[in-house]
Amino acid sequence: MPPDIDGNWQPKHNRWAIALTVTLATFMEVLDTSIANVALPHIAGGLGASQDEATWVLTSYLVSNAVILPASAYLVSFLGRKRFYMICVALFGISSMLCGLAPSLPLLIFFRVLQGTGGGGLQPSEQAILADTFPPRQRGQAFAVYGMAVVLAPAIGPTLGGWITDNYTWRWIFFINVPIAILSLVLTSRVVEDPPHIRKEVAEQRKRGLNLDYTGFGLLAIGFGSLQFVLDKGQENDWFGSHLITTFFFMCGASLLILIFWEIAQIRRGNRPILDLTMFRNRTFCVSWLLMFVLGFTLFGTTVLIPLYVQQLMGYTAEQAGLVISPGGIAILFLMPLVGVLVSRVDNRWLIAFGFAILSAALAALHTIDTQASYAYIAWMRIFQACGLAFLFIPINTLSYTDVPREKNNDVSGLMNLARNIGGSCGTSFFVTVLARRSQEHQDRLSMFLNGISPQFIRQRDGLARYFQHGGGLTASPAQARALAQGSIYQQLIRQSTQLAYLDVVALLSIGAACMIPLIFLMKKRKGGPAAAH
């Protein structure tokens, strides 16, 4: 195998074998963030819990995932990357099996916390492995393989989860992870290895002794755990109208603020920070982090938006709702390899600008949707969005490594994955909140026209009343017919206000994507290969 272009370490095994090995676990972990969503009613029924209690199955996973993501680089410096990665895969596989066997909801939630802890360490480790394994000129293609798993898994998760739940039992959405985890462990033990800079860092840490930063880790856990709780439960509990949400919000703000000062002090003392904030001095990395946050915000927001729209307003089943967004995943599958080649030949900033422009245009086009839209039209709208998303993930990740020392690859990957995950949580929270608030506002505005003196309302009500009294297969008295007519008009009001609220969310997402384009050119002007060099 030819040496790396900068004369640094090169792996003993085939690079693409390593890429496929780590992508296997990536797909498994990202899939698990969405596969359980459609199974919640079945989980609640099977374990004798309410629907609200069952949502902790999702929240517990996201909270533990958010806590471990930024700490992964710190833990790698003590354990070694390969060992840490294999511990995470093993923990994920074992906890998945325990989730499937859980006899009660509290135990299921506990096992989901363990599963999220294992899963949170996988993504940053995998991305850092790819960054070290491939030379800069091939890094875009490697990230294309990784990106297909990250973007495709959330798209097919709801469909797969619905199919498994309908045809087998909800427990199999967890059991299917076990053989994948075993295969991943076997392959990782054979083909993945730690580069010299990781081995050197681990050796130095062991000489100093395993002096873990318990204070930093505790602040990190409280801060990001509280943030995830606020984002997940805020709308459900009326945000700051709830003392619980307000308490967790202040816990989050205070913990993260103290963490910043604590980590700065750790750096000044020459200690290894649990969260390397010096990365944000790099302007290109800082902008990349923001763009990845927006990508996660839009990706997860639209992945929730479209299935919910077609189920709530068009009567689709959960499986049909999952299938209607699946063509977008197929489009990404075909486009990612193309983008992987382009990042080494085209200024990555232009690729990102093109991606956000397409995404903004696709969301603007989605603003034309109504309840009469065909299945094919909605699928094509999702494909249009996917074309923009495909041009974002790889170039943003590639540019995030610009002018970053090789020994900080783990810090880059941990922070970038944190940006995408927190962005996804914020996007979902934003979508649910704006949808509820705007729906109520539209309902209040439209109801102003529904009163006893409005000629249009009277004509529509009386027409429907005559239909219910003399037709439609019903035998109703005049009073019953009028009540049915008013109920029917009210249902139309609810549907129209909900429809308008969805369109408001789409418009805001479209404007937000367009606003990212000027920020892109604050990053350094480098092409794909050099941009990723150290």
Protein backbone atom coordinates (compact mmCIF):
# COMPACT_ATOMS: atom_id res chain seq x y z
CA MET A 1 0.00 0.00 0.00
CA PRO A 2 1.51 3.37 -0.95
CA PRO A 3 2.46 5.70 1.89
CA ASP A 4 0.20 8.52 2.93
CA ILE A 5 0.81 11.82 1.12
CA ASP A 6 2.24 13.52 4.22
CA GLY A 7 4.45 10.54 5.12
CA ASN A 8 2.41 9.71 8.23
CA TRP A 9 1.17 6.37 9.52
CA GLN A 10 -0.91 4.13 7.27
CA PRO A 11 -3.09 1.17 8.31
CA LYS A 12 -2.01 -2.43 7.74
CA HIS A 13 -5.37 -3.48 6.32
CA ASN A 14 -7.34 -2.27 3.32
CA ARG A 15 -8.76 1.18 4.00
CA TRP A 16 -12.14 0.42 2.45
CA ALA A 17 -12.51 -2.70 4.57
CA ILE A 18 -12.01 -0.47 7.63
CA ALA A 19 -14.55 2.06 6.28
CA LEU A 20 -17.21 -0.62 5.75
CA THR A 21 -16.51 -2.12 9.18
CA VAL A 22 -17.09 1.12 11.08
CA THR A 23 -20.04 2.10 8.85
CA LEU A 24 -21.81 -1.10 9.88
CA ALA A 25 -21.96 0.02 13.51
CA THR A 26 -22.82 3.58 12.45
CA PHE A 27 -25.89 2.40 10.59
CA MET A 28 -26.96 0.24 13.55
CA GLU A 29 -26.65 3.09 16.05
CA VAL A 30 -28.25 5.87 13.97
CA LEU A 31 -31.10 3.53 13.00
CA ASP A 32 -31.86 3.06 16.70
CA THR A 33 -32.50 6.78 17.19
CA SER A 34 -35.64 6.57 15.02
CA ILE A 35 -36.70 2.92 14.78
CA ALA A 36 -38.46 2.93 18.17
CA ASN A 37 -40.64 5.98 17.41
CA VAL A 38 -43.49 4.13 15.67
CA ALA A 39 -43.41 1.26 18.21
CA LEU A 40 -44.17 3.45 21.27
CA PRO A 41 -47.90 2.58 21.43
CA HIS A 42 -47.02 -1.14 21.28
CA ILE A 43 -44.32 -0.73 23.96
CA ALA A 44 -46.74 1.16 26.21
CA GLY A 45 -49.42 -1.49 25.75
CA GLY A 46 -47.04 -4.41 26.20
CA LEU A 47 -45.57 -3.04 29.43
CA GLY A 48 -48.77 -1.62 30.92
CA ALA A 49 -47.66 2.02 30.67
CA SER A 50 -49.23 5.20 29.32
CA GLN A 51 -48.17 6.79 26.03
CA ASP A 52 -46.49 9.70 27.87
CA GLU A 53 -44.53 7.32 30.11
CA ALA A 54 -43.39 5.34 27.05
CA THR A 55 -41.81 8.46 25.50
CA TRP A 56 -39.05 8.09 28.10
CA VAL A 57 -37.85 5.19 25.96
CA LEU A 58 -36.80 7.83 23.41
CA THR A 59 -35.76 10.58 25.83
CA SER A 60 -33.50 8.37 27.97
CA TYR A 61 -31.57 7.25 24.89
CA LEU A 62 -31.10 10.79 23.58
CA VAL A 63 -29.99 12.16 26.96
CA SER A 64 -27.27 9.55 27.54
CA ASN A 65 -26.24 9.86 23.88
CA ALA A 66 -25.85 13.63 24.18
CA VAL A 67 -23.73 13.31 27.33
CA ILE A 68 -21.22 10.81 25.99
CA LEU A 69 -20.75 12.35 22.52
CA PRO A 70 -18.55 15.32 23.52
CA ALA A 71 -16.71 13.23 26.14
CA SER A 72 -15.68 10.51 23.68
CA ALA A 73 -12.39 12.16 22.66
CA TYR A 74 -11.45 12.51 26.33
CA LEU A 75 -12.19 8.84 27.05
CA VAL A 76 -10.23 7.74 23.98
CA SER A 77 -7.12 9.44 25.41
CA PHE A 78 -7.32 7.06 28.43
CA LEU A 79 -8.52 3.83 26.82
CA GLY A 80 -7.25 3.99 23.25
CA ARG A 81 -9.61 4.44 20.32
CA LYS A 82 -9.96 0.80 19.24
CA ARG A 83 -10.58 -0.40 22.79
CA PHE A 84 -13.06 2.41 23.49
CA TYR A 85 -14.85 1.72 20.20
CA MET A 86 -15.15 -2.02 20.90
CA ILE A 87 -16.41 -1.33 24.45
CA CYS A 88 -19.10 0.92 22.95
CA VAL A 89 -20.13 -1.70 20.37
CA ALA A 90 -20.27 -4.42 23.05
CA LEU A 91 -22.24 -2.18 25.43
CA PHE A 92 -24.66 -1.27 22.63
CA GLY A 93 -25.20 -4.92 21.66
CA ILE A 94 -25.65 -6.20 25.24
CA SER A 95 -27.98 -3.36 26.22
CA SER A 96 -30.02 -3.91 23.01
CA MET A 97 -30.56 -7.53 24.01
CA LEU A 98 -31.56 -6.43 27.54
CA CYS A 99 -33.99 -3.86 26.07
CA GLY A 100 -35.67 -6.65 24.11
CA LEU A 101 -35.93 -8.78 27.26
CA ALA A 102 -37.04 -5.96 29.59
CA PRO A 103 -40.07 -7.07 31.68
CA SER A 104 -41.06 -3.54 32.80
CA LEU A 105 -40.84 0.07 31.61
CA PRO A 106 -38.38 1.27 34.31
CA LEU A 107 -35.93 -1.52 33.34
CA LEU A 108 -36.40 -0.77 29.64
CA ILE A 109 -35.59 2.91 30.27
CA PHE A 110 -32.48 1.94 32.29
CA PHE A 111 -31.26 -0.34 29.48
CA ARG A 112 -31.94 2.42 26.94
CA VAL A 113 -29.66 4.71 28.98
CA LEU A 114 -26.91 2.08 28.67
CA GLN A 115 -27.66 1.70 24.98
CA GLY A 116 -27.43 5.45 24.43
CA THR A 117 -24.11 5.53 26.31
CA GLY A 118 -22.66 2.89 24.01
CA GLY A 119 -24.16 4.47 20.91
CA GLY A 120 -22.93 7.96 21.79
CA GLY A 121 -19.31 6.80 21.70
CA LEU A 122 -19.63 5.09 18.31
CA GLN A 123 -20.17 7.92 15.84
CA PRO A 124 -17.26 10.21 16.83
CA SER A 125 -14.89 7.23 17.07
CA GLU A 126 -15.93 6.00 13.63
CA GLN A 127 -15.50 9.40 12.01
CA ALA A 128 -12.08 9.87 13.63
CA ILE A 129 -11.04 6.38 12.45
CA LEU A 130 -11.92 7.38 8.87
CA ALA A 131 -10.08 10.71 9.19
CA ASP A 132 -6.91 8.92 10.32
CA THR A 133 -7.24 5.95 7.96
CA PHE A 134 -7.66 7.88 4.70
CA PRO A 135 -5.33 10.50 3.21
CA PRO A 136 -6.95 13.91 2.60
CA ARG A 137 -7.46 13.26 -1.13
CA GLN A 138 -9.65 10.20 -0.34
CA ARG A 139 -11.33 11.47 2.79
CA GLY A 140 -14.39 12.79 0.97
CA GLN A 141 -15.11 9.35 -0.53
CA ALA A 142 -14.70 7.73 2.89
CA PHE A 143 -17.09 10.23 4.45
CA ALA A 144 -19.52 9.43 1.61
CA VAL A 145 -19.74 5.82 2.82
CA TYR A 146 -20.16 7.00 6.40
CA GLY A 147 -22.62 9.72 5.37
CA MET A 148 -24.89 7.26 3.56
CA ALA A 149 -25.37 5.39 6.83
CA VAL A 150 -25.92 8.55 8.90
CA VAL A 151 -28.48 10.09 6.52
CA LEU A 152 -30.16 6.92 5.26
CA ALA A 153 -30.76 5.26 8.65
CA PRO A 154 -33.16 7.91 10.06
CA ALA A 155 -35.12 7.80 6.79
CA ILE A 156 -35.78 4.06 6.84
CA GLY A 157 -35.96 3.68 10.62
CA PRO A 158 -39.68 4.46 11.01
CA THR A 159 -40.60 2.19 8.06
CA LEU A 160 -38.52 -0.71 9.35
CA GLY A 161 -39.76 -0.18 12.91
CA GLY A 162 -43.38 -0.16 11.74
CA TRP A 163 -42.93 -3.31 9.66
CA ILE A 164 -41.21 -5.23 12.50
CA THR A 165 -43.83 -4.12 15.03
CA ASP A 166 -46.76 -5.00 12.75
CA ASN A 167 -45.43 -8.40 11.73
CA TYR A 168 -43.53 -9.58 14.81
CA THR A 169 -43.21 -7.79 18.17
CA TRP A 170 -41.67 -4.50 19.30
CA ARG A 171 -38.92 -6.47 21.09
CA TRP A 172 -37.35 -7.38 17.75
CA ILE A 173 -36.50 -3.74 17.01
CA PHE A 174 -33.85 -4.22 19.73
CA PHE A 175 -32.93 -7.87 19.09
CA ILE A 176 -31.87 -7.14 15.48
CA ASN A 177 -28.92 -5.12 16.83
CA VAL A 178 -27.33 -8.12 18.54
CA PRO A 179 -25.99 -10.04 15.49
CA ILE A 180 -24.85 -6.77 13.89
CA ALA A 181 -22.94 -5.85 17.05
CA ILE A 182 -21.27 -9.28 17.16
CA LEU A 183 -20.24 -9.02 13.49
CA SER A 184 -18.93 -5.50 14.09
CA LEU A 185 -16.82 -6.65 17.07
CA VAL A 186 -15.28 -9.51 15.08
CA LEU A 187 -14.42 -7.30 12.10
CA THR A 188 -13.13 -4.45 14.27
CA SER A 189 -10.81 -6.74 16.21
CA ARG A 190 -9.29 -7.90 12.91
CA VAL A 191 -8.96 -4.77 10.75
CA VAL A 192 -9.03 -1.64 12.96
CA GLU A 193 -5.91 -0.42 14.79
CA ASP A 194 -4.84 2.66 16.70
CA PRO A 195 -2.47 5.07 14.90
CA PRO A 196 0.81 6.03 16.65
CA HIS A 197 -0.48 9.39 17.94
CA ILE A 198 -3.32 7.63 19.80
CA ARG A 199 -0.97 5.03 21.30
CA LYS A 200 1.41 7.81 22.33
CA GLU A 201 -1.35 9.83 24.01
CA VAL A 202 -2.64 6.79 25.90
CA ALA A 203 0.89 5.94 27.07
CA GLU A 204 1.42 9.50 28.32
CA GLN A 205 -1.91 9.50 30.16
CA ARG A 206 -1.07 6.19 31.85
CA LYS A 207 2.28 7.56 33.02
CA ARG A 208 0.45 10.44 34.66
CA GLY A 209 -2.14 8.06 36.09
CA LEU A 210 -5.82 7.84 35.20
CA ASN A 211 -6.73 11.16 36.80
CA LEU A 212 -10.22 11.47 35.34
CA ASP A 213 -11.88 14.88 35.33
CA TYR A 214 -14.91 13.93 37.41
CA THR A 215 -15.97 17.56 37.87
CA GLY A 216 -15.90 18.26 34.13
CA PHE A 217 -17.75 15.05 33.32
CA GLY A 218 -20.39 15.77 35.97
CA LEU A 219 -20.97 19.29 34.63
CA LEU A 220 -21.12 17.93 31.10
CA ALA A 221 -23.68 15.28 32.07
CA ILE A 222 -25.89 17.77 33.93
CA GLY A 223 -25.61 20.41 31.18
CA PHE A 224 -26.31 18.34 28.08
CA GLY A 225 -28.63 15.95 29.90
CA SER A 226 -30.76 18.89 31.08
CA LEU A 227 -30.68 20.46 27.62
CA GLN A 228 -31.91 17.27 26.00
CA PHE A 229 -34.67 16.93 28.62
CA VAL A 230 -35.82 20.52 28.01
CA LEU A 231 -35.88 20.04 24.24
CA ASP A 232 -37.70 16.73 24.44
CA LYS A 233 -40.29 17.61 27.09
CA GLY A 234 -40.62 21.40 26.69
CA GLN A 235 -43.66 21.59 24.43
CA GLU A 236 -45.37 18.73 26.25
CA ASN A 237 -45.10 20.67 29.53
CA ASP A 238 -45.77 24.17 28.09
CA TRP A 239 -42.10 25.24 28.23
CA PHE A 240 -41.51 27.93 30.87
CA GLY A 241 -45.07 27.60 32.10
CA SER A 242 -43.75 24.47 33.81
CA HIS A 243 -41.60 24.76 36.93
CA LEU A 244 -39.92 21.47 36.00
CA ILE A 245 -38.83 22.70 32.56
CA THR A 246 -37.70 26.05 34.00
CA THR A 247 -35.60 24.26 36.63
CA PHE A 248 -33.92 22.04 34.07
CA PHE A 249 -33.30 25.04 31.79
CA PHE A 250 -31.45 26.92 34.53
CA MET A 251 -29.56 23.74 35.47
CA CYS A 252 -28.48 23.43 31.83
CA GLY A 253 -27.37 27.07 31.54
CA ALA A 254 -25.52 27.13 34.87
CA SER A 255 -23.78 23.78 34.28
CA LEU A 256 -22.58 24.66 30.77
CA LEU A 257 -21.40 28.12 31.87
CA ILE A 258 -19.42 26.67 34.80
CA LEU A 259 -18.12 23.93 32.46
CA ILE A 260 -16.67 26.55 30.09
CA PHE A 261 -14.69 28.24 32.88
CA TRP A 262 -13.65 24.87 34.31
CA GLU A 263 -12.36 23.63 30.95
CA ILE A 264 -10.43 26.87 30.34
CA ALA A 265 -8.78 26.39 33.74
CA GLN A 266 -7.93 22.76 32.85
CA ILE A 267 -6.26 23.87 29.62
CA ARG A 268 -4.20 26.52 31.45
CA ARG A 269 -3.00 23.88 33.92
CA GLY A 270 -1.88 21.67 31.05
CA ASN A 271 -4.51 19.00 31.73
CA ARG A 272 -6.54 17.18 29.07
CA PRO A 273 -9.93 18.97 28.87
CA ILE A 274 -13.04 16.84 28.63
CA LEU A 275 -14.39 19.34 26.10
CA ASP A 276 -11.71 21.04 23.99
CA LEU A 277 -13.14 24.54 23.52
CA THR A 278 -9.95 25.74 21.81
CA MET A 279 -11.32 24.11 18.65
CA PHE A 280 -13.68 27.07 18.25
CA ARG A 281 -10.73 29.43 17.74
CA ASN A 282 -10.52 27.87 14.27
CA ARG A 283 -12.97 29.93 12.19
CA THR A 284 -13.49 27.21 9.60
CA PHE A 285 -14.28 24.64 12.28
CA CYS A 286 -16.60 27.08 14.06
CA VAL A 287 -18.64 27.73 10.89
CA SER A 288 -18.61 24.02 10.04
CA TRP A 289 -20.01 23.26 13.49
CA LEU A 290 -22.84 25.76 12.97
CA LEU A 291 -23.62 24.37 9.50
CA MET A 292 -23.71 20.82 10.86
CA PHE A 293 -26.11 21.98 13.58
CA VAL A 294 -28.42 23.46 10.91
CA LEU A 295 -28.10 20.30 8.81
CA GLY A 296 -29.19 18.16 11.78
CA PHE A 297 -31.94 20.67 12.58
CA THR A 298 -33.39 20.46 9.07
CA LEU A 299 -32.79 16.74 8.48
CA PHE A 300 -34.51 15.56 11.66
CA GLY A 301 -37.16 18.29 11.50
CA THR A 302 -38.28 17.32 7.99
CA THR A 303 -37.99 13.61 8.78
CA VAL A 304 -40.63 14.18 11.48
CA LEU A 305 -42.65 16.78 9.55
CA ILE A 306 -43.57 14.85 6.41
CA PRO A 307 -44.66 11.54 8.05
CA LEU A 308 -46.68 13.42 10.66
CA TYR A 309 -48.35 15.56 7.97
CA VAL A 310 -49.45 12.62 5.84
CA GLN A 311 -50.70 10.68 8.89
CA GLN A 312 -52.49 13.57 10.56
CA LEU A 313 -54.07 15.21 7.51
CA MET A 314 -54.08 12.58 4.76
CA GLY A 315 -54.87 9.40 6.68
CA TYR A 316 -51.66 7.48 5.89
CA THR A 317 -50.69 4.54 8.08
CA ALA A 318 -47.33 4.57 9.92
CA GLU A 319 -45.85 2.20 7.33
CA GLN A 320 -47.11 4.31 4.40
CA ALA A 321 -45.77 7.45 6.06
CA GLY A 322 -42.35 5.83 6.35
CA LEU A 323 -42.43 4.62 2.76
CA VAL A 324 -43.27 8.05 1.35
CA ILE A 325 -39.95 9.49 2.62
CA SER A 326 -37.90 6.41 1.70
CA PRO A 327 -37.23 7.55 -1.91
CA GLY A 328 -35.29 10.46 -0.42
CA GLY A 329 -32.97 7.97 1.27
CA ILE A 330 -32.46 6.16 -2.04
CA ALA A 331 -31.60 9.48 -3.73
CA ILE A 332 -28.97 10.18 -1.06
CA LEU A 333 -27.60 6.66 -1.53
CA PHE A 334 -26.90 7.40 -5.20
CA LEU A 335 -25.68 10.98 -4.75
CA MET A 336 -23.27 10.50 -1.84
CA PRO A 337 -20.57 8.70 -3.90
CA LEU A 338 -20.73 11.50 -6.50
CA VAL A 339 -20.29 14.13 -3.79
CA GLY A 340 -17.43 12.07 -2.32
CA VAL A 341 -15.57 12.40 -5.64
CA LEU A 342 -16.40 16.10 -6.07
CA VAL A 343 -15.00 17.16 -2.67
CA SER A 344 -11.48 16.41 -3.88
CA ARG A 345 -11.96 18.41 -7.10
CA VAL A 346 -14.22 21.35 -6.27
CA ASP A 347 -14.03 24.10 -3.66
CA ASN A 348 -16.05 22.54 -0.84
CA ARG A 349 -17.65 25.88 0.00
CA TRP A 350 -19.42 25.92 -3.37
CA LEU A 351 -20.69 22.39 -2.81
CA ILE A 352 -22.15 23.43 0.55
CA ALA A 353 -23.68 26.59 -0.96
CA PHE A 354 -25.23 24.48 -3.71
CA GLY A 355 -26.61 22.05 -1.13
CA PHE A 356 -28.23 24.76 0.99
CA ALA A 357 -29.62 26.48 -2.13
CA ILE A 358 -31.24 23.23 -3.31
CA LEU A 359 -32.53 22.49 0.19
CA SER A 360 -34.05 25.97 0.51
CA ALA A 361 -35.66 25.70 -2.95
CA ALA A 362 -37.02 22.22 -2.14
CA LEU A 363 -38.60 23.46 1.09
CA ALA A 364 -40.07 26.45 -0.78
CA ALA A 365 -41.56 24.01 -3.30
CA LEU A 366 -42.97 21.92 -0.43
CA HIS A 367 -44.87 25.05 0.62
CA THR A 368 -47.30 24.25 -2.22
CA ILE A 369 -48.40 20.95 -0.64
CA ASP A 370 -52.03 20.37 0.32
CA THR A 371 -54.14 17.43 1.44
CA GLN A 372 -54.99 16.56 -2.17
CA ALA A 373 -51.33 15.90 -3.04
CA SER A 374 -50.59 12.50 -4.52
CA TYR A 375 -48.23 9.93 -3.01
CA ALA A 376 -45.84 10.44 -5.96
CA TYR A 377 -45.80 14.23 -5.52
CA ILE A 378 -44.84 13.97 -1.83
CA ALA A 379 -42.16 11.37 -2.63
CA TRP A 380 -40.67 13.65 -5.32
CA MET A 381 -40.66 16.58 -2.89
CA ARG A 382 -38.64 14.44 -0.46
CA ILE A 383 -36.24 13.45 -3.25
CA PHE A 384 -35.80 17.16 -4.07
CA GLN A 385 -34.86 17.83 -0.42
CA ALA A 386 -32.54 14.81 -0.36
CA CYS A 387 -30.59 16.21 -3.31
CA GLY A 388 -29.70 19.22 -1.19
CA LEU A 389 -28.92 17.20 1.93
CA ALA A 390 -26.55 14.94 -0.03
CA PHE A 391 -24.34 17.93 -0.92
CA LEU A 392 -23.98 19.04 2.71
CA PHE A 393 -22.86 16.23 4.99
CA ILE A 394 -19.55 15.29 3.31
CA PRO A 395 -18.18 18.79 2.47
CA ILE A 396 -19.07 20.15 5.94
CA ASN A 397 -17.33 17.21 7.63
CA THR A 398 -14.32 17.49 5.32
CA LEU A 399 -13.85 21.21 5.96
CA SER A 400 -14.20 20.75 9.72
CA TYR A 401 -10.72 19.12 9.77
CA THR A 402 -9.05 22.14 8.12
CA ASP A 403 -5.86 23.18 9.96
CA VAL A 404 -6.62 20.78 12.81
CA PRO A 405 -3.69 18.75 14.22
CA ARG A 406 -4.09 15.02 13.67
CA GLU A 407 -4.17 14.28 17.38
CA LYS A 408 -7.37 16.35 17.65
CA ASN A 409 -9.33 14.26 15.13
CA ASN A 410 -11.34 12.70 17.95
CA ASP A 411 -12.26 16.14 19.30
CA VAL A 412 -13.43 17.27 15.85
CA SER A 413 -15.58 14.19 15.27
CA GLY A 414 -17.08 14.32 18.79
CA LEU A 415 -18.07 17.97 18.51
CA MET A 416 -19.40 17.63 14.95
CA ASN A 417 -21.57 14.67 15.89
CA LEU A 418 -22.78 16.60 18.94
CA ALA A 419 -23.74 19.49 16.63
CA ARG A 420 -25.79 17.19 14.40
CA ASN A 421 -27.53 15.41 17.29
CA ILE A 422 -28.34 18.56 19.28
CA GLY A 423 -29.42 20.19 16.02
CA GLY A 424 -31.75 17.25 15.41
CA SER A 425 -33.25 17.57 18.89
CA CYS A 426 -33.68 21.34 18.48
CA GLY A 427 -35.22 20.84 15.02
CA THR A 428 -37.76 18.32 16.29
CA SER A 429 -38.58 20.53 19.29
CA PHE A 430 -38.89 23.62 17.09
CA PHE A 431 -41.19 21.80 14.68
CA VAL A 432 -43.53 20.48 17.38
CA THR A 433 -43.67 23.83 19.21
CA VAL A 434 -44.20 26.06 16.17
CA LEU A 435 -46.77 23.64 14.77
CA ALA A 436 -48.80 23.73 18.00
CA ARG A 437 -48.55 27.51 18.46
CA ARG A 438 -49.22 28.47 14.84
CA SER A 439 -52.07 25.99 14.57
CA GLN A 440 -53.76 27.65 17.56
CA GLU A 441 -53.16 31.13 16.12
CA HIS A 442 -54.63 30.17 12.75
CA GLN A 443 -57.56 28.52 14.50
CA ASP A 444 -58.27 31.71 16.49
CA ARG A 445 -58.05 33.85 13.37
CA LEU A 446 -60.25 31.61 11.22
CA SER A 447 -62.84 31.16 13.95
CA MET A 448 -63.50 34.91 13.82
CA PHE A 449 -65.37 34.27 10.56
CA LEU A 450 -67.47 31.48 12.09
CA ASN A 451 -70.21 33.31 13.92
CA GLY A 452 -73.97 33.43 13.80
CA ILE A 453 -74.07 36.68 11.77
CA SER A 454 -71.63 35.68 9.01
CA PRO A 455 -73.62 35.10 5.78
CA GLN A 456 -71.05 32.61 4.49
CA PHE A 457 -71.10 30.62 7.71
CA ILE A 458 -74.92 30.59 7.79
CA ARG A 459 -75.15 29.41 4.16
CA GLN A 460 -72.58 26.63 4.70
CA ARG A 461 -74.14 25.52 7.99
CA ASP A 462 -77.67 25.46 6.60
CA GLY A 463 -76.57 23.61 3.46
CA LEU A 464 -74.83 20.92 5.49
CA ALA A 465 -77.78 20.72 7.88
CA ARG A 466 -80.17 20.05 4.96
CA TYR A 467 -77.77 17.35 3.71
CA PHE A 468 -77.62 15.65 7.13
CA GLN A 469 -81.40 15.92 7.55
CA HIS A 470 -82.48 14.70 4.11
CA GLY A 471 -79.49 12.82 2.71
CA GLY A 472 -76.21 11.13 3.55
CA GLY A 473 -77.95 8.00 4.83
CA LEU A 474 -78.91 9.72 8.10
CA THR A 475 -82.25 10.40 9.75
CA ALA A 476 -81.77 13.48 11.89
CA SER A 477 -84.01 16.09 13.43
CA PRO A 478 -83.42 19.74 12.46
CA ALA A 479 -81.56 20.37 15.76
CA GLN A 480 -79.37 17.27 15.30
CA ALA A 481 -78.67 18.16 11.67
CA ARG A 482 -77.59 21.67 12.66
CA ALA A 483 -75.29 20.28 15.40
CA LEU A 484 -73.73 17.83 12.92
CA ALA A 485 -73.25 20.66 10.41
CA GLN A 486 -71.49 22.86 12.98
CA GLY A 487 -69.28 19.92 14.04
CA SER A 488 -68.32 19.27 10.42
CA ILE A 489 -67.42 22.94 9.87
CA TYR A 490 -65.33 22.91 13.06
CA GLN A 491 -63.41 19.83 11.84
CA GLN A 492 -62.69 21.67 8.58
CA LEU A 493 -61.45 24.62 10.62
CA ILE A 494 -59.05 22.38 12.57
CA ARG A 495 -57.71 20.80 9.37
CA GLN A 496 -57.19 24.15 7.67
CA SER A 497 -55.45 25.71 10.66
CA THR A 498 -53.18 22.66 10.97
CA GLN A 499 -52.42 22.77 7.24
CA LEU A 500 -51.45 26.46 7.49
CA ALA A 501 -49.25 25.74 10.53
CA TYR A 502 -47.33 23.07 8.58
CA LEU A 503 -46.78 25.56 5.77
CA ASP A 504 -45.44 28.11 8.29
CA VAL A 505 -42.88 25.58 9.56
CA VAL A 506 -41.80 24.76 6.00
CA ALA A 507 -41.40 28.46 5.18
CA LEU A 508 -39.22 29.07 8.26
CA LEU A 509 -37.00 26.07 7.45
CA SER A 510 -36.61 27.29 3.86
CA ILE A 511 -35.60 30.80 4.99
CA GLY A 512 -33.20 29.35 7.59
CA ALA A 513 -31.44 27.19 4.97
CA ALA A 514 -31.05 30.19 2.63
CA CYS A 515 -29.56 32.30 5.46
CA MET A 516 -26.68 29.80 5.85
CA ILE A 517 -25.28 30.50 2.37
CA PRO A 518 -23.44 33.79 3.21
CA LEU A 519 -21.81 32.20 6.29
CA ILE A 520 -20.19 29.53 4.14
CA PHE A 521 -17.73 31.99 2.66
CA LEU A 522 -16.32 32.86 6.07
CA MET A 523 -14.48 29.53 5.83
CA LYS A 524 -11.07 29.24 4.22
CA LYS A 525 -10.91 28.88 0.46
CA ARG A 526 -9.48 25.40 0.06
CA LYS A 527 -10.35 22.51 -2.20
CA GLY A 528 -11.41 19.08 -0.93
CA GLY A 529 -7.98 17.49 -0.56
CA PRO A 530 -6.02 20.35 1.02
CA ALA A 531 -8.98 21.46 3.06
CA ALA A 532 -8.81 18.29 5.01
CA ALA A 533 -5.07 18.33 5.49
CA HIS A 534 -3.49 18.89 8.89
